[in-house]
Amino acid sequence: VLGHRRLSIIDLSSGQQPMSTSDGRYCIVFNGEIYNFPELRKELETKG
């Protein structure tokens, strides 16, 4: 069982957690900030 309390800083409208993959296989609760996530995201998008 995973729980999360959110202080909205990034993606105010859709960053709710716990967050699961679309197939439900993986789920995450995360407390932190990834400063270079836009660059990482672009790299992942190029991989489909």
ModelCIF file with pLDDT and N, C-alpha, C, O atoms, coordinates in Angstrom:
data_MODEL
#
_entry.id   MODEL 
#
_entity.id                         1 
_entity.type                       polymer 
_entity.pdbx_number_of_molecules   1 
#
_entity_poly.entity_id                      1 
_entity_poly.type                           'polypeptide(L)' 
_entity_poly.nstd_linkage                   no 
_entity_poly.nstd_monomer                   no 
_entity_poly.pdbx_seq_one_letter_code       VLGHRRLSIIDLSSGQQPMSTSDGRYCIVFNGEIYNFPELRKELETKG 
_entity_poly.pdbx_seq_one_letter_code_can   VLGHRRLSIIDLSSGQQPMSTSDGRYCIVFNGEIYNFPELRKELETKG 
_entity_poly.pdbx_strand_id                 A 
#
loop_
_entity_poly_seq.entity_id 
_entity_poly_seq.num 
_entity_poly_seq.mon_id 
_entity_poly_seq.hetero 
1 1  VAL n 
1 2  LEU n 
1 3  GLY n 
1 4  HIS n 
1 5  ARG n 
1 6  ARG n 
1 7  LEU n 
1 8  SER n 
1 9  ILE n 
1 10 ILE n 
1 11 ASP n 
1 12 LEU n 
1 13 SER n 
1 14 SER n 
1 15 GLY n 
1 16 GLN n 
1 17 GLN n 
1 18 PRO n 
1 19 MET n 
1 20 SER n 
1 21 THR n 
1 22 SER n 
1 23 ASP n 
1 24 GLY n 
1 25 ARG n 
1 26 TYR n 
1 27 CYS n 
1 28 ILE n 
1 29 VAL n 
1 30 PHE n 
1 31 ASN n 
1 32 GLY n 
1 33 GLU n 
1 34 ILE n 
1 35 TYR n 
1 36 ASN n 
1 37 PHE n 
1 38 PRO n 
1 39 GLU n 
1 40 LEU n 
1 41 ARG n 
1 42 LYS n 
1 43 GLU n 
1 44 LEU n 
1 45 GLU n 
1 46 THR n 
1 47 LYS n 
1 48 GLY n 
#
_struct_asym.id          A 
_struct_asym.entity_id   1 
#
loop_
_ma_qa_metric.id 
_ma_qa_metric.mode 
_ma_qa_metric.name 
_ma_qa_metric.software_group_id 
_ma_qa_metric.type 
1 global pLDDT . pLDDT 
2 local  pLDDT . pLDDT 
#
_ma_qa_metric_global.metric_id      1 
_ma_qa_metric_global.metric_value   90.48 
_ma_qa_metric_global.model_id       1 
_ma_qa_metric_global.ordinal_id     1 
#
loop_
_ma_qa_metric_local.label_asym_id 
_ma_qa_metric_local.label_comp_id 
_ma_qa_metric_local.label_seq_id 
_ma_qa_metric_local.metric_id 
_ma_qa_metric_local.metric_value 
_ma_qa_metric_local.model_id 
_ma_qa_metric_local.ordinal_id 
A VAL 1  2 95.00 1 1  
A LEU 2  2 96.00 1 2  
A GLY 3  2 96.00 1 3  
A HIS 4  2 94.00 1 4  
A ARG 5  2 94.00 1 5  
A ARG 6  2 90.00 1 6  
A LEU 7  2 87.00 1 7  
A SER 8  2 85.00 1 8  
A ILE 9  2 81.00 1 9  
A ILE 10 2 76.00 1 10 
A ASP 11 2 75.00 1 11 
A LEU 12 2 77.00 1 12 
A SER 13 2 79.00 1 13 
A SER 14 2 82.00 1 14 
A GLY 15 2 83.00 1 15 
A GLN 16 2 88.00 1 16 
A GLN 17 2 91.00 1 17 
A PRO 18 2 94.00 1 18 
A MET 19 2 93.00 1 19 
A SER 20 2 93.00 1 20 
A THR 21 2 91.00 1 21 
A SER 22 2 87.00 1 22 
A ASP 23 2 89.00 1 23 
A GLY 24 2 89.00 1 24 
A ARG 25 2 91.00 1 25 
A TYR 26 2 93.00 1 26 
A CYS 27 2 94.00 1 27 
A ILE 28 2 93.00 1 28 
A VAL 29 2 92.00 1 29 
A PHE 30 2 89.00 1 30 
A ASN 31 2 85.00 1 31 
A GLY 32 2 81.00 1 32 
A GLU 33 2 86.00 1 33 
A ILE 34 2 91.00 1 34 
A TYR 35 2 93.00 1 35 
A ASN 36 2 95.00 1 36 
A PHE 37 2 94.00 1 37 
A PRO 38 2 95.00 1 38 
A GLU 39 2 97.00 1 39 
A LEU 40 2 97.00 1 40 
A ARG 41 2 96.00 1 41 
A LYS 42 2 97.00 1 42 
A GLU 43 2 97.00 1 43 
A LEU 44 2 97.00 1 44 
A GLU 45 2 97.00 1 45 
A THR 46 2 97.00 1 46 
A LYS 47 2 96.00 1 47 
A GLY 48 2 95.00 1 48 
#
loop_
_atom_site.group_PDB 
_atom_site.id 
_atom_site.type_symbol 
_atom_site.label_atom_id 
_atom_site.label_alt_id 
_atom_site.label_comp_id 
_atom_site.label_asym_id 
_atom_site.label_entity_id 
_atom_site.label_seq_id 
_atom_site.pdbx_PDB_ins_code 
_atom_site.Cartn_x 
_atom_site.Cartn_y 
_atom_site.Cartn_z 
_atom_site.occupancy 
_atom_site.B_iso_or_equiv 
_atom_site.pdbx_formal_charge 
_atom_site.auth_seq_id 
_atom_site.auth_comp_id 
_atom_site.auth_asym_id 
_atom_site.auth_atom_id 
_atom_site.pdbx_PDB_model_num 
ATOM 1   N N  . VAL A 1 1  ? 0.872  -1.170 0.000   1.00 95.00 ? 1  VAL A N  1 
ATOM 2   C CA . VAL A 1 1  ? 0.000  0.000  0.000   1.00 95.00 ? 1  VAL A CA 1 
ATOM 3   C C  . VAL A 1 1  ? 0.910  1.220  0.000   1.00 95.00 ? 1  VAL A C  1 
ATOM 4   O O  . VAL A 1 1  ? 1.797  1.331  0.846   1.00 95.00 ? 1  VAL A O  1 
ATOM 5   N N  . LEU A 1 2  ? 0.695  2.149  -0.953  1.00 96.00 ? 2  LEU A N  1 
ATOM 6   C CA . LEU A 1 2  ? 1.507  3.346  -1.089  1.00 96.00 ? 2  LEU A CA 1 
ATOM 7   C C  . LEU A 1 2  ? 0.638  4.575  -0.898  1.00 96.00 ? 2  LEU A C  1 
ATOM 8   O O  . LEU A 1 2  ? -0.505 4.619  -1.353  1.00 96.00 ? 2  LEU A O  1 
ATOM 9   N N  . GLY A 1 3  ? 1.192  5.580  -0.216  1.00 96.00 ? 3  GLY A N  1 
ATOM 10  C CA . GLY A 1 3  ? 0.470  6.823  -0.005  1.00 96.00 ? 3  GLY A CA 1 
ATOM 11  C C  . GLY A 1 3  ? 1.344  8.019  -0.292  1.00 96.00 ? 3  GLY A C  1 
ATOM 12  O O  . GLY A 1 3  ? 2.570  7.942  -0.223  1.00 96.00 ? 3  GLY A O  1 
ATOM 13  N N  . HIS A 1 4  ? 0.702  9.129  -0.615  1.00 94.00 ? 4  HIS A N  1 
ATOM 14  C CA . HIS A 1 4  ? 1.433  10.338 -0.980  1.00 94.00 ? 4  HIS A CA 1 
ATOM 15  C C  . HIS A 1 4  ? 0.632  11.561 -0.571  1.00 94.00 ? 4  HIS A C  1 
ATOM 16  O O  . HIS A 1 4  ? -0.582 11.607 -0.765  1.00 94.00 ? 4  HIS A O  1 
ATOM 17  N N  . ARG A 1 5  ? 1.313  12.556 -0.002  1.00 94.00 ? 5  ARG A N  1 
ATOM 18  C CA . ARG A 1 5  ? 0.750  13.881 0.247   1.00 94.00 ? 5  ARG A CA 1 
ATOM 19  C C  . ARG A 1 5  ? 1.501  14.836 -0.663  1.00 94.00 ? 5  ARG A C  1 
ATOM 20  O O  . ARG A 1 5  ? 2.732  14.822 -0.693  1.00 94.00 ? 5  ARG A O  1 
ATOM 21  N N  . ARG A 1 6  ? 0.786  15.658 -1.399  1.00 90.00 ? 6  ARG A N  1 
ATOM 22  C CA . ARG A 1 6  ? 1.399  16.451 -2.465  1.00 90.00 ? 6  ARG A CA 1 
ATOM 23  C C  . ARG A 1 6  ? 1.430  17.941 -2.172  1.00 90.00 ? 6  ARG A C  1 
ATOM 24  O O  . ARG A 1 6  ? 0.431  18.550 -1.789  1.00 90.00 ? 6  ARG A O  1 
ATOM 25  N N  . LEU A 1 7  ? 2.608  18.499 -2.365  1.00 87.00 ? 7  LEU A N  1 
ATOM 26  C CA . LEU A 1 7  ? 2.787  19.936 -2.446  1.00 87.00 ? 7  LEU A CA 1 
ATOM 27  C C  . LEU A 1 7  ? 3.027  20.222 -3.921  1.00 87.00 ? 7  LEU A C  1 
ATOM 28  O O  . LEU A 1 7  ? 4.100  19.916 -4.440  1.00 87.00 ? 7  LEU A O  1 
ATOM 29  N N  . SER A 1 8  ? 2.059  20.797 -4.595  1.00 85.00 ? 8  SER A N  1 
ATOM 30  C CA . SER A 1 8  ? 2.113  20.971 -6.051  1.00 85.00 ? 8  SER A CA 1 
ATOM 31  C C  . SER A 1 8  ? 3.115  22.050 -6.427  1.00 85.00 ? 8  SER A C  1 
ATOM 32  O O  . SER A 1 8  ? 2.962  23.216 -6.062  1.00 85.00 ? 8  SER A O  1 
ATOM 33  N N  . ILE A 1 9  ? 4.145  21.642 -7.167  1.00 81.00 ? 9  ILE A N  1 
ATOM 34  C CA . ILE A 1 9  ? 5.156  22.578 -7.662  1.00 81.00 ? 9  ILE A CA 1 
ATOM 35  C C  . ILE A 1 9  ? 5.293  22.429 -9.174  1.00 81.00 ? 9  ILE A C  1 
ATOM 36  O O  . ILE A 1 9  ? 5.259  23.421 -9.902  1.00 81.00 ? 9  ILE A O  1 
ATOM 37  N N  . ILE A 1 10 ? 5.447  21.201 -9.644  1.00 76.00 ? 10 ILE A N  1 
ATOM 38  C CA . ILE A 1 10 ? 5.580  20.916 -11.074 1.00 76.00 ? 10 ILE A CA 1 
ATOM 39  C C  . ILE A 1 10 ? 4.315  20.197 -11.529 1.00 76.00 ? 10 ILE A C  1 
ATOM 40  O O  . ILE A 1 10 ? 3.784  19.363 -10.795 1.00 76.00 ? 10 ILE A O  1 
ATOM 41  N N  . ASP A 1 11 ? 3.832  20.503 -12.710 1.00 75.00 ? 11 ASP A N  1 
ATOM 42  C CA . ASP A 1 11 ? 2.637  19.883 -13.291 1.00 75.00 ? 11 ASP A CA 1 
ATOM 43  C C  . ASP A 1 11 ? 1.472  19.927 -12.305 1.00 75.00 ? 11 ASP A C  1 
ATOM 44  O O  . ASP A 1 11 ? 1.022  18.900 -11.797 1.00 75.00 ? 11 ASP A O  1 
ATOM 45  N N  . LEU A 1 12 ? 1.008  21.120 -12.056 1.00 77.00 ? 12 LEU A N  1 
ATOM 46  C CA . LEU A 1 12 ? -0.023 21.343 -11.054 1.00 77.00 ? 12 LEU A CA 1 
ATOM 47  C C  . LEU A 1 12 ? -1.318 20.595 -11.329 1.00 77.00 ? 12 LEU A C  1 
ATOM 48  O O  . LEU A 1 12 ? -2.036 20.242 -10.393 1.00 77.00 ? 12 LEU A O  1 
ATOM 49  N N  . SER A 1 13 ? -1.632 20.345 -12.604 1.00 79.00 ? 13 SER A N  1 
ATOM 50  C CA . SER A 1 13 ? -2.929 19.761 -12.933 1.00 79.00 ? 13 SER A CA 1 
ATOM 51  C C  . SER A 1 13 ? -2.940 18.238 -13.046 1.00 79.00 ? 13 SER A C  1 
ATOM 52  O O  . SER A 1 13 ? -4.002 17.633 -12.902 1.00 79.00 ? 13 SER A O  1 
ATOM 53  N N  . SER A 1 14 ? -1.786 17.591 -13.300 1.00 82.00 ? 14 SER A N  1 
ATOM 54  C CA . SER A 1 14 ? -1.862 16.149 -13.542 1.00 82.00 ? 14 SER A CA 1 
ATOM 55  C C  . SER A 1 14 ? -0.699 15.348 -12.966 1.00 82.00 ? 14 SER A C  1 
ATOM 56  O O  . SER A 1 14 ? -0.399 14.269 -13.477 1.00 82.00 ? 14 SER A O  1 
ATOM 57  N N  . GLY A 1 15 ? -0.048 15.826 -11.945 1.00 83.00 ? 15 GLY A N  1 
ATOM 58  C CA . GLY A 1 15 ? 1.088  15.097 -11.389 1.00 83.00 ? 15 GLY A CA 1 
ATOM 59  C C  . GLY A 1 15 ? 0.758  14.300 -10.144 1.00 83.00 ? 15 GLY A C  1 
ATOM 60  O O  . GLY A 1 15 ? 1.625  14.089 -9.296  1.00 83.00 ? 15 GLY A O  1 
ATOM 61  N N  . GLN A 1 16 ? -0.491 13.852 -10.020 1.00 88.00 ? 16 GLN A N  1 
ATOM 62  C CA . GLN A 1 16 ? -0.915 13.144 -8.818  1.00 88.00 ? 16 GLN A CA 1 
ATOM 63  C C  . GLN A 1 16 ? -0.131 11.851 -8.621  1.00 88.00 ? 16 GLN A C  1 
ATOM 64  O O  . GLN A 1 16 ? 0.262  11.184 -9.578  1.00 88.00 ? 16 GLN A O  1 
ATOM 65  N N  . GLN A 1 17 ? 0.082  11.520 -7.356  1.00 91.00 ? 17 GLN A N  1 
ATOM 66  C CA . GLN A 1 17 ? 0.753  10.280 -6.981  1.00 91.00 ? 17 GLN A CA 1 
ATOM 67  C C  . GLN A 1 17 ? -0.078 9.579  -5.921  1.00 91.00 ? 17 GLN A C  1 
ATOM 68  O O  . GLN A 1 17 ? -0.912 10.213 -5.275  1.00 91.00 ? 17 GLN A O  1 
ATOM 69  N N  . PRO A 1 18 ? 0.132  8.301  -5.732  1.00 94.00 ? 18 PRO A N  1 
ATOM 70  C CA . PRO A 1 18 ? 0.989  7.384  -6.451  1.00 94.00 ? 18 PRO A CA 1 
ATOM 71  C C  . PRO A 1 18 ? 0.651  7.357  -7.936  1.00 94.00 ? 18 PRO A C  1 
ATOM 72  O O  . PRO A 1 18 ? -0.508 7.486  -8.330  1.00 94.00 ? 18 PRO A O  1 
ATOM 73  N N  . MET A 1 19 ? 1.689  7.187  -8.750  1.00 93.00 ? 19 MET A N  1 
ATOM 74  C CA . MET A 1 19 ? 1.552  7.208  -10.200 1.00 93.00 ? 19 MET A CA 1 
ATOM 75  C C  . MET A 1 19 ? 1.936  5.836  -10.747 1.00 93.00 ? 19 MET A C  1 
ATOM 76  O O  . MET A 1 19 ? 2.944  5.253  -10.349 1.00 93.00 ? 19 MET A O  1 
ATOM 77  N N  . SER A 1 20 ? 1.121  5.339  -11.656 1.00 93.00 ? 20 SER A N  1 
ATOM 78  C CA . SER A 1 20 ? 1.371  4.027  -12.257 1.00 93.00 ? 20 SER A CA 1 
ATOM 79  C C  . SER A 1 20 ? 1.620  4.153  -13.746 1.00 93.00 ? 20 SER A C  1 
ATOM 80  O O  . SER A 1 20 ? 1.196  5.118  -14.383 1.00 93.00 ? 20 SER A O  1 
ATOM 81  N N  . THR A 1 21 ? 2.314  3.166  -14.292 1.00 91.00 ? 21 THR A N  1 
ATOM 82  C CA . THR A 1 21 ? 2.452  3.089  -15.742 1.00 91.00 ? 21 THR A CA 1 
ATOM 83  C C  . THR A 1 21 ? 1.086  2.781  -16.335 1.00 91.00 ? 21 THR A C  1 
ATOM 84  O O  . THR A 1 21 ? 0.193  2.310  -15.631 1.00 91.00 ? 21 THR A O  1 
ATOM 85  N N  . SER A 1 22 ? 0.921  3.042  -17.617 1.00 87.00 ? 22 SER A N  1 
ATOM 86  C CA . SER A 1 22 ? -0.392 2.848  -18.245 1.00 87.00 ? 22 SER A CA 1 
ATOM 87  C C  . SER A 1 22 ? -0.876 1.414  -18.155 1.00 87.00 ? 22 SER A C  1 
ATOM 88  O O  . SER A 1 22 ? -2.084 1.179  -18.128 1.00 87.00 ? 22 SER A O  1 
ATOM 89  N N  . ASP A 1 23 ? 0.036  0.442  -18.107 1.00 89.00 ? 23 ASP A N  1 
ATOM 90  C CA . ASP A 1 23 ? -0.377 -0.954 -17.977 1.00 89.00 ? 23 ASP A CA 1 
ATOM 91  C C  . ASP A 1 23 ? -0.528 -1.392 -16.517 1.00 89.00 ? 23 ASP A C  1 
ATOM 92  O O  . ASP A 1 23 ? -0.925 -2.526 -16.249 1.00 89.00 ? 23 ASP A O  1 
ATOM 93  N N  . GLY A 1 24 ? -0.213 -0.498 -15.574 1.00 89.00 ? 24 GLY A N  1 
ATOM 94  C CA . GLY A 1 24 ? -0.367 -0.803 -14.157 1.00 89.00 ? 24 GLY A CA 1 
ATOM 95  C C  . GLY A 1 24 ? 0.724  -1.678 -13.565 1.00 89.00 ? 24 GLY A C  1 
ATOM 96  O O  . GLY A 1 24 ? 0.642  -2.065 -12.399 1.00 89.00 ? 24 GLY A O  1 
ATOM 97  N N  . ARG A 1 25 ? 1.737  -1.993 -14.345 1.00 91.00 ? 25 ARG A N  1 
ATOM 98  C CA . ARG A 1 25 ? 2.780  -2.906 -13.868 1.00 91.00 ? 25 ARG A CA 1 
ATOM 99  C C  . ARG A 1 25 ? 3.668  -2.266 -12.800 1.00 91.00 ? 25 ARG A C  1 
ATOM 100 O O  . ARG A 1 25 ? 4.071  -2.928 -11.843 1.00 91.00 ? 25 ARG A O  1 
ATOM 101 N N  . TYR A 1 26 ? 3.970  -0.977 -12.966 1.00 93.00 ? 26 TYR A N  1 
ATOM 102 C CA . TYR A 1 26 ? 4.844  -0.272 -12.038 1.00 93.00 ? 26 TYR A CA 1 
ATOM 103 C C  . TYR A 1 26 ? 4.101  0.903  -11.419 1.00 93.00 ? 26 TYR A C  1 
ATOM 104 O O  . TYR A 1 26 ? 3.265  1.542  -12.059 1.00 93.00 ? 26 TYR A O  1 
ATOM 105 N N  . CYS A 1 27 ? 4.424  1.170  -10.169 1.00 94.00 ? 27 CYS A N  1 
ATOM 106 C CA . CYS A 1 27 ? 3.808  2.277  -9.442  1.00 94.00 ? 27 CYS A CA 1 
ATOM 107 C C  . CYS A 1 27 ? 4.887  2.959  -8.612  1.00 94.00 ? 27 CYS A C  1 
ATOM 108 O O  . CYS A 1 27 ? 5.801  2.302  -8.117  1.00 94.00 ? 27 CYS A O  1 
ATOM 109 N N  . ILE A 1 28 ? 4.781  4.288  -8.459  1.00 93.00 ? 28 ILE A N  1 
ATOM 110 C CA . ILE A 1 28 ? 5.800  5.046  -7.746  1.00 93.00 ? 28 ILE A CA 1 
ATOM 111 C C  . ILE A 1 28 ? 5.168  6.099  -6.843  1.00 93.00 ? 28 ILE A C  1 
ATOM 112 O O  . ILE A 1 28 ? 4.142  6.694  -7.173  1.00 93.00 ? 28 ILE A O  1 
ATOM 113 N N  . VAL A 1 29 ? 5.808  6.312  -5.697  1.00 92.00 ? 29 VAL A N  1 
ATOM 114 C CA . VAL A 1 29 ? 5.623  7.523  -4.913  1.00 92.00 ? 29 VAL A CA 1 
ATOM 115 C C  . VAL A 1 29 ? 7.013  8.137  -4.830  1.00 92.00 ? 29 VAL A C  1 
ATOM 116 O O  . VAL A 1 29 ? 8.000  7.428  -4.634  1.00 92.00 ? 29 VAL A O  1 
ATOM 117 N N  . PHE A 1 30 ? 7.088  9.440  -4.978  1.00 89.00 ? 30 PHE A N  1 
ATOM 118 C CA . PHE A 1 30 ? 8.383  10.089 -5.115  1.00 89.00 ? 30 PHE A CA 1 
ATOM 119 C C  . PHE A 1 30 ? 8.363  11.429 -4.408  1.00 89.00 ? 30 PHE A C  1 
ATOM 120 O O  . PHE A 1 30 ? 7.426  12.212 -4.565  1.00 89.00 ? 30 PHE A O  1 
ATOM 121 N N  . ASN A 1 31 ? 9.391  11.687 -3.634  1.00 85.00 ? 31 ASN A N  1 
ATOM 122 C CA . ASN A 1 31 ? 9.545  12.966 -2.964  1.00 85.00 ? 31 ASN A CA 1 
ATOM 123 C C  . ASN A 1 31 ? 10.900 13.527 -3.368  1.00 85.00 ? 31 ASN A C  1 
ATOM 124 O O  . ASN A 1 31 ? 11.937 13.092 -2.870  1.00 85.00 ? 31 ASN A O  1 
ATOM 125 N N  . GLY A 1 32 ? 10.881 14.467 -4.247  1.00 81.00 ? 32 GLY A N  1 
ATOM 126 C CA . GLY A 1 32 ? 12.119 15.058 -4.716  1.00 81.00 ? 32 GLY A CA 1 
ATOM 127 C C  . GLY A 1 32 ? 11.844 15.877 -5.954  1.00 81.00 ? 32 GLY A C  1 
ATOM 128 O O  . GLY A 1 32 ? 10.693 16.120 -6.317  1.00 81.00 ? 32 GLY A O  1 
ATOM 129 N N  . GLU A 1 33 ? 12.899 16.293 -6.587  1.00 86.00 ? 33 GLU A N  1 
ATOM 130 C CA . GLU A 1 33 ? 12.744 17.024 -7.836  1.00 86.00 ? 33 GLU A CA 1 
ATOM 131 C C  . GLU A 1 33 ? 13.905 16.664 -8.752  1.00 86.00 ? 33 GLU A C  1 
ATOM 132 O O  . GLU A 1 33 ? 15.067 16.685 -8.345  1.00 86.00 ? 33 GLU A O  1 
ATOM 133 N N  . ILE A 1 34 ? 13.573 16.337 -9.982  1.00 91.00 ? 34 ILE A N  1 
ATOM 134 C CA . ILE A 1 34 ? 14.580 16.012 -10.982 1.00 91.00 ? 34 ILE A CA 1 
ATOM 135 C C  . ILE A 1 34 ? 14.753 17.258 -11.846 1.00 91.00 ? 34 ILE A C  1 
ATOM 136 O O  . ILE A 1 34 ? 13.901 17.567 -12.679 1.00 91.00 ? 34 ILE A O  1 
ATOM 137 N N  . TYR A 1 35 ? 15.843 17.958 -11.646 1.00 93.00 ? 35 TYR A N  1 
ATOM 138 C CA . TYR A 1 35 ? 16.033 19.254 -12.289 1.00 93.00 ? 35 TYR A CA 1 
ATOM 139 C C  . TYR A 1 35 ? 16.201 19.143 -13.804 1.00 93.00 ? 35 TYR A C  1 
ATOM 140 O O  . TYR A 1 35 ? 15.817 20.061 -14.529 1.00 93.00 ? 35 TYR A O  1 
ATOM 141 N N  . ASN A 1 36 ? 16.760 18.049 -14.290 1.00 95.00 ? 36 ASN A N  1 
ATOM 142 C CA . ASN A 1 36 ? 16.973 17.915 -15.739 1.00 95.00 ? 36 ASN A CA 1 
ATOM 143 C C  . ASN A 1 36 ? 15.918 17.019 -16.392 1.00 95.00 ? 36 ASN A C  1 
ATOM 144 O O  . ASN A 1 36 ? 16.162 16.429 -17.445 1.00 95.00 ? 36 ASN A O  1 
ATOM 145 N N  . PHE A 1 37 ? 14.742 16.920 -15.760 1.00 94.00 ? 37 PHE A N  1 
ATOM 146 C CA . PHE A 1 37 ? 13.729 16.027 -16.322 1.00 94.00 ? 37 PHE A CA 1 
ATOM 147 C C  . PHE A 1 37 ? 13.266 16.435 -17.721 1.00 94.00 ? 37 PHE A C  1 
ATOM 148 O O  . PHE A 1 37 ? 12.913 15.549 -18.499 1.00 94.00 ? 37 PHE A O  1 
ATOM 149 N N  . PRO A 1 38 ? 13.245 17.731 -18.096 1.00 95.00 ? 38 PRO A N  1 
ATOM 150 C CA . PRO A 1 38 ? 12.832 18.030 -19.477 1.00 95.00 ? 38 PRO A CA 1 
ATOM 151 C C  . PRO A 1 38 ? 13.766 17.397 -20.516 1.00 95.00 ? 38 PRO A C  1 
ATOM 152 O O  . PRO A 1 38 ? 13.311 16.902 -21.547 1.00 95.00 ? 38 PRO A O  1 
ATOM 153 N N  . GLU A 1 39 ? 15.062 17.416 -20.238 1.00 97.00 ? 39 GLU A N  1 
ATOM 154 C CA . GLU A 1 39 ? 16.019 16.804 -21.160 1.00 97.00 ? 39 GLU A CA 1 
ATOM 155 C C  . GLU A 1 39 ? 15.858 15.284 -21.188 1.00 97.00 ? 39 GLU A C  1 
ATOM 156 O O  . GLU A 1 39 ? 15.904 14.665 -22.251 1.00 97.00 ? 39 GLU A O  1 
ATOM 157 N N  . LEU A 1 40 ? 15.671 14.697 -20.016 1.00 97.00 ? 40 LEU A N  1 
ATOM 158 C CA . LEU A 1 40 ? 15.468 13.246 -19.945 1.00 97.00 ? 40 LEU A CA 1 
ATOM 159 C C  . LEU A 1 40 ? 14.183 12.845 -20.670 1.00 97.00 ? 40 LEU A C  1 
ATOM 160 O O  . LEU A 1 40 ? 14.142 11.833 -21.369 1.00 97.00 ? 40 LEU A O  1 
ATOM 161 N N  . ARG A 1 41 ? 13.153 13.642 -20.495 1.00 96.00 ? 41 ARG A N  1 
ATOM 162 C CA . ARG A 1 41 ? 11.871 13.371 -21.151 1.00 96.00 ? 41 ARG A CA 1 
ATOM 163 C C  . ARG A 1 41 ? 12.020 13.390 -22.671 1.00 96.00 ? 41 ARG A C  1 
ATOM 164 O O  . ARG A 1 41 ? 11.515 12.501 -23.356 1.00 96.00 ? 41 ARG A O  1 
ATOM 165 N N  . LYS A 1 42 ? 12.710 14.397 -23.197 1.00 97.00 ? 42 LYS A N  1 
ATOM 166 C CA . LYS A 1 42 ? 12.920 14.481 -24.654 1.00 97.00 ? 42 LYS A CA 1 
ATOM 167 C C  . LYS A 1 42 ? 13.658 13.243 -25.161 1.00 97.00 ? 42 LYS A C  1 
ATOM 168 O O  . LYS A 1 42 ? 13.323 12.703 -26.216 1.00 97.00 ? 42 LYS A O  1 
ATOM 169 N N  . GLU A 1 43 ? 14.649 12.804 -24.415 1.00 97.00 ? 43 GLU A N  1 
ATOM 170 C CA . GLU A 1 43 ? 15.400 11.609 -24.805 1.00 97.00 ? 43 GLU A CA 1 
ATOM 171 C C  . GLU A 1 43 ? 14.493 10.376 -24.837 1.00 97.00 ? 43 GLU A C  1 
ATOM 172 O O  . GLU A 1 43 ? 14.582 9.565  -25.759 1.00 97.00 ? 43 GLU A O  1 
ATOM 173 N N  . LEU A 1 44 ? 13.631 10.236 -23.843 1.00 97.00 ? 44 LEU A N  1 
ATOM 174 C CA . LEU A 1 44 ? 12.702 9.108  -23.804 1.00 97.00 ? 44 LEU A CA 1 
ATOM 175 C C  . LEU A 1 44 ? 11.681 9.192  -24.940 1.00 97.00 ? 44 LEU A C  1 
ATOM 176 O O  . LEU A 1 44 ? 11.317 8.171  -25.523 1.00 97.00 ? 44 LEU A O  1 
ATOM 177 N N  . GLU A 1 45 ? 11.223 10.397 -25.253 1.00 97.00 ? 45 GLU A N  1 
ATOM 178 C CA . GLU A 1 45 ? 10.266 10.572 -26.351 1.00 97.00 ? 45 GLU A CA 1 
ATOM 179 C C  . GLU A 1 45 ? 10.869 10.152 -27.683 1.00 97.00 ? 45 GLU A C  1 
ATOM 180 O O  . GLU A 1 45 ? 10.163 9.617  -28.537 1.00 97.00 ? 45 GLU A O  1 
ATOM 181 N N  . THR A 1 46 ? 12.164 10.386 -27.874 1.00 97.00 ? 46 THR A N  1 
ATOM 182 C CA . THR A 1 46 ? 12.806 9.950  -29.124 1.00 97.00 ? 46 THR A CA 1 
ATOM 183 C C  . THR A 1 46 ? 12.849 8.428  -29.219 1.00 97.00 ? 46 THR A C  1 
ATOM 184 O O  . THR A 1 46 ? 13.010 7.875  -30.307 1.00 97.00 ? 46 THR A O  1 
ATOM 185 N N  . LYS A 1 47 ? 12.705 7.754  -28.082 1.00 96.00 ? 47 LYS A N  1 
ATOM 186 C CA . LYS A 1 47 ? 12.680 6.285  -28.050 1.00 96.00 ? 47 LYS A CA 1 
ATOM 187 C C  . LYS A 1 47 ? 11.255 5.744  -28.123 1.00 96.00 ? 47 LYS A C  1 
ATOM 188 O O  . LYS A 1 47 ? 11.032 4.541  -27.985 1.00 96.00 ? 47 LYS A O  1 
ATOM 189 N N  . GLY A 1 48 ? 10.289 6.644  -28.342 1.00 95.00 ? 48 GLY A N  1 
ATOM 190 C CA . GLY A 1 48 ? 8.906  6.216  -28.510 1.00 95.00 ? 48 GLY A CA 1 
ATOM 191 C C  . GLY A 1 48 ? 8.067  6.204  -27.246 1.00 95.00 ? 48 GLY A C  1 
ATOM 192 O O  . GLY A 1 48 ? 6.887  5.857  -27.292 1.00 95.00 ? 48 GLY A O  1 
#
